[in-house]
């Protein structure tokens, strides 16, 4: 039977989807990318914010249309199902099976009980990191080192969906990384809800720095990076590893959310504006060329115009290399849901627009400092534009795939025969756009 998958939400959810793909493939099913060809469709949902829930419902209804043709089974899994399974069962009779995240230990049993045939009954029946089918291509793969969260930020439902923070054993992570390396993966991206807290629960101390150093010993791996580093848990050891280990990208993704100490306290964040400013200064002083990315939230309940002005000035000062911004979304069961002084959506959107307009100008100025410098570049794609000109597309250490920008390099017939995709080349930066780089091969 043909099985199609749709993975919604974050990269952590994508890893779950890849394990599902691996399980179905091991059972003898054929994986297809076009839902028109699928007899079984699995939608792995996100339930993080309201827009993600709306996308999940829309996707499930869209996939249900295929049941009028070839599709026999529609399965919904993931975070939204974890929170709203009973309601969804009533509202979406088109879906044949709902599987919560907390029910993944009986994933295959539920599949079989629903009437989907088990083609190879003697194979494994559990979602397994080491059996996952990487869906992001040969260049990079996400490596989930922990799940859940203990921070209980007042705006976030993750602890109620994914549970308490739980690290994986170091040896299991390294084994998975070796398997990925043997498959040709050049870059591994470590992820968790709170990556810098890795190891605290099972080793009684932060172990991310040690883990990264051990992963760097895997010969085939060229780049290592980690995402979602909470500012208060970035240690001196971790900073030293990023500075000194040649395989570790000089890149920190630090979700700061806000800078007003009043708002940070309401959010139940464990840091202050002063500490975050000191961290930014320290990273830039200690690590030449370091890239700092952050995520900010506007429109949190009680955010005054003065709070927003403070945030705007903070962005002006910080000059983040990369910045994501989103508007506060009221989430079921969170403390912020019941807070007074909820902000009107138009005000939230206006504040979002102001931050992103500011960042667009900052980004271009930041990128201009790289003009004339050479960097190792992973070439991932090539295309011919409307004028018949050949361009190669790649990434430097500065860019997380599908989140940040790219470097575009003009080619010719001679280069077309020399440059291989998925390989590293020296490139010089010659120009910039708002978020992207222009370069030449060296």
Protein backbone atom coordinates (compact mmCIF):
# COMPACT_ATOMS: atom_id res chain seq x y z
CA UNK A 1 0.00 0.00 0.00
CA UNK A 2 1.11 3.57 -0.68
CA UNK A 3 1.51 5.92 2.30
CA UNK A 4 1.82 9.71 2.17
CA UNK A 5 2.94 11.94 5.04
CA UNK A 6 2.41 15.60 5.84
CA UNK A 7 4.46 17.04 8.71
CA UNK A 8 3.29 20.34 10.18
CA UNK A 9 5.00 22.58 12.72
CA UNK A 10 8.55 22.50 14.00
CA UNK A 11 11.64 20.42 13.27
CA UNK A 12 11.06 18.44 16.48
CA UNK A 13 7.74 17.30 15.04
CA UNK A 14 9.47 16.48 11.76
CA UNK A 15 11.73 13.98 13.54
CA UNK A 16 8.61 12.16 14.77
CA UNK A 17 7.29 12.09 11.20
CA UNK A 18 10.57 10.68 9.93
CA UNK A 19 10.35 7.89 12.48
CA UNK A 20 6.81 7.13 11.31
CA UNK A 21 8.03 7.00 7.71
CA UNK A 22 10.79 4.60 8.76
CA UNK A 23 8.32 2.34 10.54
CA UNK A 24 5.92 2.17 7.58
CA UNK A 25 8.76 1.59 5.14
CA UNK A 26 10.18 -1.21 7.27
CA UNK A 27 6.75 -2.80 7.27
CA UNK A 28 6.80 -2.97 3.48
CA UNK A 29 4.70 0.07 2.60
CA UNK A 30 5.67 2.35 -0.27
CA UNK A 31 6.20 6.00 0.65
CA UNK A 32 4.74 8.51 -1.84
CA UNK A 33 4.93 12.29 -1.95
CA UNK A 34 1.71 12.96 -3.86
CA UNK A 35 -1.46 12.48 -1.78
CA UNK A 36 -3.31 11.51 -4.96
CA UNK A 37 -1.25 8.31 -4.99
CA UNK A 38 -1.70 7.46 -1.31
CA UNK A 39 -3.98 4.78 0.08
CA UNK A 40 -3.02 5.91 3.59
CA UNK A 41 -2.40 9.56 4.51
CA UNK A 42 -0.78 10.50 7.82
CA UNK A 43 -0.91 14.13 8.99
CA UNK A 44 1.39 14.96 11.91
CA UNK A 45 -0.20 18.05 13.43
CA UNK A 46 1.13 21.04 15.35
CA UNK A 47 -0.80 22.59 18.21
CA UNK A 48 1.61 25.29 19.37
CA UNK A 49 -0.36 28.42 18.47
CA UNK A 50 -3.80 29.21 17.05
CA UNK A 51 -2.61 29.62 13.47
CA UNK A 52 -0.94 26.19 13.63
CA UNK A 53 -4.19 24.60 14.82
CA UNK A 54 -6.09 26.26 11.99
CA UNK A 55 -3.53 24.97 9.49
CA UNK A 56 -3.83 21.45 10.92
CA UNK A 57 -7.65 21.43 10.66
CA UNK A 58 -7.50 22.82 7.12
CA UNK A 59 -4.94 20.20 6.09
CA UNK A 60 -6.96 17.33 7.54
CA UNK A 61 -10.09 18.49 5.71
CA UNK A 62 -8.12 18.88 2.50
CA UNK A 63 -6.67 15.37 2.82
CA UNK A 64 -10.13 13.98 3.60
CA UNK A 65 -11.14 14.92 0.06
CA UNK A 66 -8.86 12.16 -1.23
CA UNK A 67 -11.01 9.56 0.53
CA UNK A 68 -13.45 10.00 -2.34
CA UNK A 69 -10.80 8.49 -4.59
CA UNK A 70 -7.84 6.27 -3.69
CA UNK A 71 -7.27 7.00 0.00
CA UNK A 72 -8.71 4.40 2.39
CA UNK A 73 -7.30 5.59 5.73
CA UNK A 74 -6.67 9.09 7.09
CA UNK A 75 -4.59 9.25 10.26
CA UNK A 76 -3.94 12.32 12.46
CA UNK A 77 -1.07 12.37 14.95
CA UNK A 78 0.97 14.91 16.88
CA UNK A 79 0.60 17.84 19.22
CA UNK A 80 -2.87 19.07 18.32
CA UNK A 81 -4.21 15.54 18.70
CA UNK A 82 -2.48 15.33 22.10
CA UNK A 83 -4.48 18.29 23.38
CA UNK A 84 -7.81 17.90 21.58
CA UNK A 85 -8.23 14.24 20.62
CA UNK A 86 -11.76 13.83 22.04
CA UNK A 87 -13.02 17.06 20.47
CA UNK A 88 -11.43 16.23 17.13
CA UNK A 89 -13.00 12.78 17.07
CA UNK A 90 -16.42 14.42 17.35
CA UNK A 91 -15.74 17.23 14.90
CA UNK A 92 -13.77 15.34 12.23
CA UNK A 93 -15.45 11.99 11.50
CA UNK A 94 -13.56 12.00 8.17
CA UNK A 95 -10.39 11.04 10.10
CA UNK A 96 -10.16 7.30 10.76
CA UNK A 97 -7.62 7.36 13.56
CA UNK A 98 -6.20 9.91 16.01
CA UNK A 99 -2.94 9.06 17.80
CA UNK A 100 -1.66 11.28 20.59
CA UNK A 101 2.03 12.04 21.05
CA UNK A 102 1.82 10.29 24.44
CA UNK A 103 0.45 7.17 22.68
CA UNK A 104 3.42 6.72 20.32
CA UNK A 105 4.62 3.73 22.35
CA UNK A 106 1.57 1.87 20.97
CA UNK A 107 1.68 3.56 17.55
CA UNK A 108 1.78 0.42 15.42
CA UNK A 109 -0.72 -1.48 17.54
CA UNK A 110 -3.24 1.31 16.96
CA UNK A 111 -2.50 1.32 13.23
CA UNK A 112 -3.19 -2.42 13.00
CA UNK A 113 -6.26 -2.26 15.22
CA UNK A 114 -7.70 0.37 12.88
CA UNK A 115 -7.66 -2.10 10.02
CA UNK A 116 -4.41 -1.18 8.26
CA UNK A 117 -2.69 -4.48 7.38
CA UNK A 118 0.65 -5.40 8.97
CA UNK A 119 2.65 -6.53 5.94
CA UNK A 120 5.73 -7.67 7.92
CA UNK A 121 4.65 -8.79 11.37
CA UNK A 122 8.13 -9.88 12.50
CA UNK A 123 9.76 -6.45 12.14
CA UNK A 124 9.99 -3.80 14.87
CA UNK A 125 6.81 -2.11 16.09
CA UNK A 126 8.08 1.08 17.73
CA UNK A 127 9.05 4.51 16.51
CA UNK A 128 12.84 4.38 16.49
CA UNK A 129 15.35 7.22 16.04
CA UNK A 130 17.78 4.85 14.37
CA UNK A 131 15.21 3.67 11.81
CA UNK A 132 13.97 7.10 10.74
CA UNK A 133 13.98 8.12 7.10
CA UNK A 134 15.51 11.58 6.79
CA UNK A 135 13.21 13.77 4.68
CA UNK A 136 15.42 16.87 4.47
CA UNK A 137 17.81 15.56 1.81
CA UNK A 138 21.43 14.47 2.05
CA UNK A 139 22.92 17.71 3.36
CA UNK A 140 21.51 18.01 6.84
CA UNK A 141 19.37 16.27 9.43
CA UNK A 142 17.85 17.30 12.73
CA UNK A 143 19.03 15.40 15.79
CA UNK A 144 16.61 15.62 18.71
CA UNK A 145 18.53 15.39 21.97
CA UNK A 146 15.66 15.96 24.42
CA UNK A 147 11.93 16.47 24.55
CA UNK A 148 9.46 18.35 26.69
CA UNK A 149 10.08 21.43 28.79
CA UNK A 150 10.21 22.44 32.46
CA UNK A 151 10.22 26.20 31.98
CA UNK A 152 6.44 26.77 32.00
CA UNK A 153 6.56 30.13 30.27
CA UNK A 154 3.11 31.60 30.82
CA UNK A 155 2.37 31.89 27.09
CA UNK A 156 3.46 28.39 26.09
CA UNK A 157 1.53 25.11 25.99
CA UNK A 158 4.51 22.87 25.21
CA UNK A 159 4.89 21.40 28.75
CA UNK A 160 1.22 20.41 28.65
CA UNK A 161 1.61 18.82 25.21
CA UNK A 162 5.08 17.23 25.23
CA UNK A 163 5.48 16.78 28.98
CA UNK A 164 8.39 17.53 31.29
CA UNK A 165 11.95 17.95 30.04
CA UNK A 166 13.62 14.61 29.30
CA UNK A 167 17.11 14.21 27.85
CA UNK A 168 18.17 11.27 25.71
CA UNK A 169 21.25 9.29 26.74
CA UNK A 170 24.45 10.64 25.22
CA UNK A 171 25.48 7.29 23.76
CA UNK A 172 22.09 6.92 21.99
CA UNK A 173 22.45 10.36 20.40
CA UNK A 174 25.99 9.61 19.22
CA UNK A 175 24.88 6.29 17.76
CA UNK A 176 22.12 8.02 15.80
CA UNK A 177 24.58 10.66 14.58
CA UNK A 178 26.94 7.95 13.31
CA UNK A 179 24.08 6.34 11.39
CA UNK A 180 23.18 9.70 9.84
CA UNK A 181 26.81 10.32 8.92
CA UNK A 182 27.04 6.94 7.17
CA UNK A 183 23.98 7.97 5.14
CA UNK A 184 25.94 10.95 3.82
CA UNK A 185 24.57 13.69 6.09
CA UNK A 186 27.08 16.57 6.22
CA UNK A 187 25.44 18.79 8.84
CA UNK A 188 23.61 17.82 12.02
CA UNK A 189 21.37 20.29 13.80
CA UNK A 190 20.77 19.55 17.48
CA UNK A 191 17.26 20.43 18.64
CA UNK A 192 15.14 20.28 21.77
CA UNK A 193 12.65 22.62 23.35
CA UNK A 194 15.43 23.82 25.67
CA UNK A 195 18.64 22.58 24.06
CA UNK A 196 21.11 24.17 26.46
CA UNK A 197 19.53 22.34 29.40
CA UNK A 198 20.52 19.02 27.85
CA UNK A 199 21.71 16.49 30.44
CA UNK A 200 20.61 18.31 33.59
CA UNK A 201 17.88 15.77 34.32
CA UNK A 202 19.95 12.60 33.84
CA UNK A 203 23.55 13.74 34.47
CA UNK A 204 22.85 16.46 37.09
CA UNK A 205 24.67 19.08 35.01
CA UNK A 206 24.50 20.68 31.56
CA UNK A 207 26.14 18.35 29.04
CA UNK A 208 25.60 20.07 25.68
CA UNK A 209 29.22 21.23 25.40
CA UNK A 210 30.54 17.74 26.05
CA UNK A 211 28.00 16.19 23.65
CA UNK A 212 28.94 18.60 20.86
CA UNK A 213 32.65 17.87 21.30
CA UNK A 214 32.05 14.12 21.07
CA UNK A 215 29.82 14.49 18.02
CA UNK A 216 32.55 16.50 16.29
CA UNK A 217 34.79 13.42 16.39
CA UNK A 218 32.56 11.75 13.77
CA UNK A 219 34.71 12.16 10.68
CA UNK A 220 31.99 12.47 8.05
CA UNK A 221 30.20 15.33 9.84
CA UNK A 222 31.34 18.72 8.54
CA UNK A 223 29.06 21.13 10.45
CA UNK A 224 27.35 20.93 13.84
CA UNK A 225 24.93 23.52 15.15
CA UNK A 226 22.33 23.66 17.91
CA UNK A 227 19.08 25.64 18.09
CA UNK A 228 16.89 27.05 20.87
CA UNK A 229 19.52 28.12 23.43
CA UNK A 230 17.85 29.76 26.40
CA UNK A 231 19.97 32.76 27.43
CA UNK A 232 20.22 31.81 31.10
CA UNK A 233 21.61 28.33 30.37
CA UNK A 234 24.40 29.24 27.93
CA UNK A 235 27.52 28.21 29.85
CA UNK A 236 31.14 29.32 29.55
CA UNK A 237 32.00 25.77 28.45
CA UNK A 238 29.51 25.99 25.59
CA UNK A 239 30.83 29.36 24.48
CA UNK A 240 34.37 27.92 24.45
CA UNK A 241 33.25 24.96 22.33
CA UNK A 242 31.63 27.24 19.75
CA UNK A 243 34.73 29.42 19.70
CA UNK A 244 37.34 26.66 19.44
CA UNK A 245 35.77 23.64 17.75
CA UNK A 246 36.16 24.05 13.97
CA UNK A 247 33.17 21.85 13.18
CA UNK A 248 30.75 23.84 15.34
CA UNK A 249 29.07 26.70 13.50
CA UNK A 250 29.63 30.03 15.24
CA UNK A 251 25.90 30.53 15.54
CA UNK A 252 23.66 31.05 18.57
CA UNK A 253 19.87 30.84 18.30
CA UNK A 254 18.62 32.50 21.50
CA UNK A 255 14.85 32.91 21.96
CA UNK A 256 14.75 36.06 24.13
CA UNK A 257 11.02 36.82 23.62
CA UNK A 258 11.20 40.34 25.09
CA UNK A 259 13.51 42.75 26.90
CA UNK A 260 11.18 44.58 29.28
CA UNK A 261 11.82 43.13 32.72
CA UNK A 262 8.16 43.67 33.55
CA UNK A 263 7.04 41.58 30.58
CA UNK A 264 9.77 38.98 31.10
CA UNK A 265 8.54 38.45 34.66
CA UNK A 266 4.94 38.07 33.46
CA UNK A 267 6.18 35.54 30.91
CA UNK A 268 7.93 33.60 33.69
CA UNK A 269 11.23 33.94 31.86
CA UNK A 270 14.32 33.29 33.98
CA UNK A 271 16.46 36.19 32.79
CA UNK A 272 16.57 39.98 32.59
CA UNK A 273 17.29 42.62 29.99
CA UNK A 274 20.64 43.38 31.61
CA UNK A 275 21.75 39.74 31.55
CA UNK A 276 20.75 39.36 27.90
CA UNK A 277 22.66 42.48 26.90
CA UNK A 278 25.73 41.22 28.74
CA UNK A 279 25.41 37.85 27.00
CA UNK A 280 25.27 39.48 23.55
CA UNK A 281 28.36 41.56 24.37
CA UNK A 282 30.20 38.50 25.70
CA UNK A 283 29.45 36.35 22.65
CA UNK A 284 30.60 39.03 20.23
CA UNK A 285 33.75 39.75 22.23
CA UNK A 286 34.75 36.11 22.62
CA UNK A 287 33.76 34.68 19.22
CA UNK A 288 34.78 36.70 16.14
CA UNK A 289 32.17 36.40 13.39
CA UNK A 290 29.53 34.91 15.68
CA UNK A 291 25.98 34.98 14.33
CA UNK A 292 23.23 35.72 16.87
CA UNK A 293 19.64 34.90 16.05
CA UNK A 294 16.71 35.57 18.33
CA UNK A 295 12.94 35.34 18.48
CA UNK A 296 10.74 38.04 19.96
CA UNK A 297 7.07 38.25 20.87
CA UNK A 298 4.93 41.39 20.65
CA UNK A 299 1.49 41.97 22.08
CA UNK A 300 1.86 39.91 25.27
CA UNK A 301 -0.94 40.77 27.75
CA UNK A 302 -0.16 44.03 29.49
CA UNK A 303 2.53 45.11 27.02
CA UNK A 304 2.32 48.89 27.15
CA UNK A 305 3.47 51.30 24.50
CA UNK A 306 6.48 51.99 26.73
CA UNK A 307 7.28 48.27 26.89
CA UNK A 308 7.16 48.09 23.11
CA UNK A 309 9.35 51.17 22.70
CA UNK A 310 11.87 49.53 25.03
CA UNK A 311 11.82 46.41 22.86
CA UNK A 312 12.24 48.47 19.69
CA UNK A 313 15.28 50.26 21.15
CA UNK A 314 16.68 46.91 22.29
CA UNK A 315 16.51 45.59 18.72
CA UNK A 316 18.19 48.78 17.50
CA UNK A 317 20.97 48.24 20.03
CA UNK A 318 21.38 44.46 19.64
CA UNK A 319 21.51 44.52 15.84
CA UNK A 320 20.65 40.83 15.66
CA UNK A 321 22.08 39.04 12.64
CA UNK A 322 18.83 37.09 12.33
CA UNK A 323 15.52 37.81 13.98
CA UNK A 324 12.12 36.18 14.04
CA UNK A 325 9.09 37.90 15.51
CA UNK A 326 5.56 36.72 16.18
CA UNK A 327 2.45 38.11 17.79
CA UNK A 328 1.17 36.71 21.08
CA UNK A 329 -1.45 34.01 20.68
CA UNK A 330 -3.80 33.07 23.52
CA UNK A 331 -3.35 29.34 24.22
CA UNK A 332 -5.70 27.04 26.13
CA UNK A 333 -4.55 26.12 29.62
CA UNK A 334 -1.71 28.64 29.86
CA UNK A 335 -1.45 31.26 32.60
CA UNK A 336 -1.34 34.11 30.08
CA UNK A 337 -4.71 33.07 28.65
CA UNK A 338 -6.44 34.45 31.75
CA UNK A 339 -4.30 37.55 32.17
CA UNK A 340 -6.04 40.94 31.96
CA UNK A 341 -5.08 43.63 29.45
CA UNK A 342 -5.14 41.41 26.37
CA UNK A 343 -3.83 43.39 23.38
CA UNK A 344 -6.00 44.09 20.32
CA UNK A 345 -4.90 42.13 17.27
CA UNK A 346 -4.42 45.30 15.19
CA UNK A 347 -2.04 46.69 17.80
CA UNK A 348 -0.13 43.41 17.85
CA UNK A 349 0.17 43.37 14.07
CA UNK A 350 1.30 47.00 13.95
CA UNK A 351 4.03 46.30 16.50
CA UNK A 352 5.12 43.21 14.60
CA UNK A 353 5.40 45.22 11.38
CA UNK A 354 7.53 47.88 13.06
CA UNK A 355 9.98 45.34 14.45
CA UNK A 356 10.35 43.52 11.13
CA UNK A 357 10.80 46.76 9.16
CA UNK A 358 13.57 47.75 11.58
CA UNK A 359 15.21 44.34 11.33
CA UNK A 360 15.18 44.38 7.53
CA UNK A 361 17.43 47.45 7.55
CA UNK A 362 19.64 46.02 10.30
CA UNK A 363 20.06 42.74 8.43
CA UNK A 364 21.33 44.39 5.25
CA UNK A 365 23.86 46.51 7.15
CA UNK A 366 25.02 43.46 9.12
CA UNK A 367 25.55 41.42 5.97
CA UNK A 368 27.60 44.15 4.29
CA UNK A 369 30.44 43.50 6.73
CA UNK A 370 31.03 40.15 5.04
CA UNK A 371 31.70 41.63 1.59
CA UNK A 372 35.19 40.71 0.41
CA UNK A 373 35.54 37.75 2.79
CA UNK A 374 35.73 34.06 1.86
CA UNK A 375 33.69 31.31 3.47
CA UNK A 376 33.16 27.58 3.11
CA UNK A 377 29.84 27.21 1.33
CA UNK A 378 27.65 24.13 1.02
CA UNK A 379 26.19 24.17 -2.50
CA UNK A 380 22.67 22.74 -2.36
CA UNK A 381 20.92 23.68 -5.60
CA UNK A 382 21.25 25.25 -9.05
CA UNK A 383 18.74 26.93 -11.35
CA UNK A 384 18.47 28.91 -14.57
CA UNK A 385 16.64 32.26 -14.35
CA UNK A 386 14.34 33.87 -16.93
CA UNK A 387 17.34 35.37 -18.73
CA UNK A 388 18.98 31.98 -19.13
CA UNK A 389 21.63 32.69 -16.47
CA UNK A 390 22.86 29.84 -14.28
CA UNK A 391 22.94 30.35 -10.51
CA UNK A 392 24.09 28.08 -7.70
CA UNK A 393 22.45 28.29 -4.27
CA UNK A 394 24.27 27.51 -1.06
CA UNK A 395 24.64 28.19 2.64
CA UNK A 396 27.49 29.34 4.85
CA UNK A 397 27.79 28.72 8.60
CA UNK A 398 25.60 31.81 9.02
CA UNK A 399 22.39 30.21 7.79
CA UNK A 400 20.10 27.53 9.18
CA UNK A 401 18.29 25.73 6.33
CA UNK A 402 14.78 26.96 5.53
CA UNK A 403 14.97 29.55 8.32
CA UNK A 404 17.70 31.98 7.33
CA UNK A 405 19.02 33.26 3.99
CA UNK A 406 21.14 31.80 1.19
CA UNK A 407 24.15 32.71 -0.88
CA UNK A 408 23.62 33.00 -4.66
CA UNK A 409 26.57 32.44 -7.00
CA UNK A 410 26.45 33.11 -10.73
CA UNK A 411 27.78 30.25 -12.84
CA UNK A 412 28.62 29.41 -16.44
CA UNK A 413 29.00 26.32 -18.60
CA UNK A 414 32.50 25.65 -17.27
CA UNK A 415 31.37 25.85 -13.64
CA UNK A 416 28.33 23.74 -14.41
CA UNK A 417 30.66 20.86 -15.19
CA UNK A 418 32.93 21.46 -12.19
CA UNK A 419 30.59 22.25 -9.29
CA UNK A 420 28.91 19.29 -7.61
CA UNK A 421 25.81 19.72 -5.51
CA UNK A 422 26.05 18.79 -1.83
CA UNK A 423 29.76 19.64 -1.67
CA UNK A 424 31.68 22.47 0.01
CA UNK A 425 33.49 25.22 -1.94
CA UNK A 426 35.33 28.42 -1.07
CA UNK A 427 33.25 31.45 -2.02
CA UNK A 428 33.82 35.19 -1.72
CA UNK A 429 30.98 37.52 -0.76
CA UNK A 430 30.62 40.28 -3.37
CA UNK A 431 27.23 41.86 -2.57
CA UNK A 432 24.19 41.51 -0.32
CA UNK A 433 20.40 41.74 -0.37
CA UNK A 434 18.20 42.30 2.70
CA UNK A 435 18.61 38.74 3.96
CA UNK A 436 20.77 36.97 1.35
CA UNK A 437 24.36 37.05 0.10
CA UNK A 438 25.75 37.28 -3.43
CA UNK A 439 29.09 35.61 -4.10
CA UNK A 440 31.64 34.13 -6.46
CA UNK A 441 33.50 30.84 -6.42
CA UNK A 442 37.19 31.03 -5.49
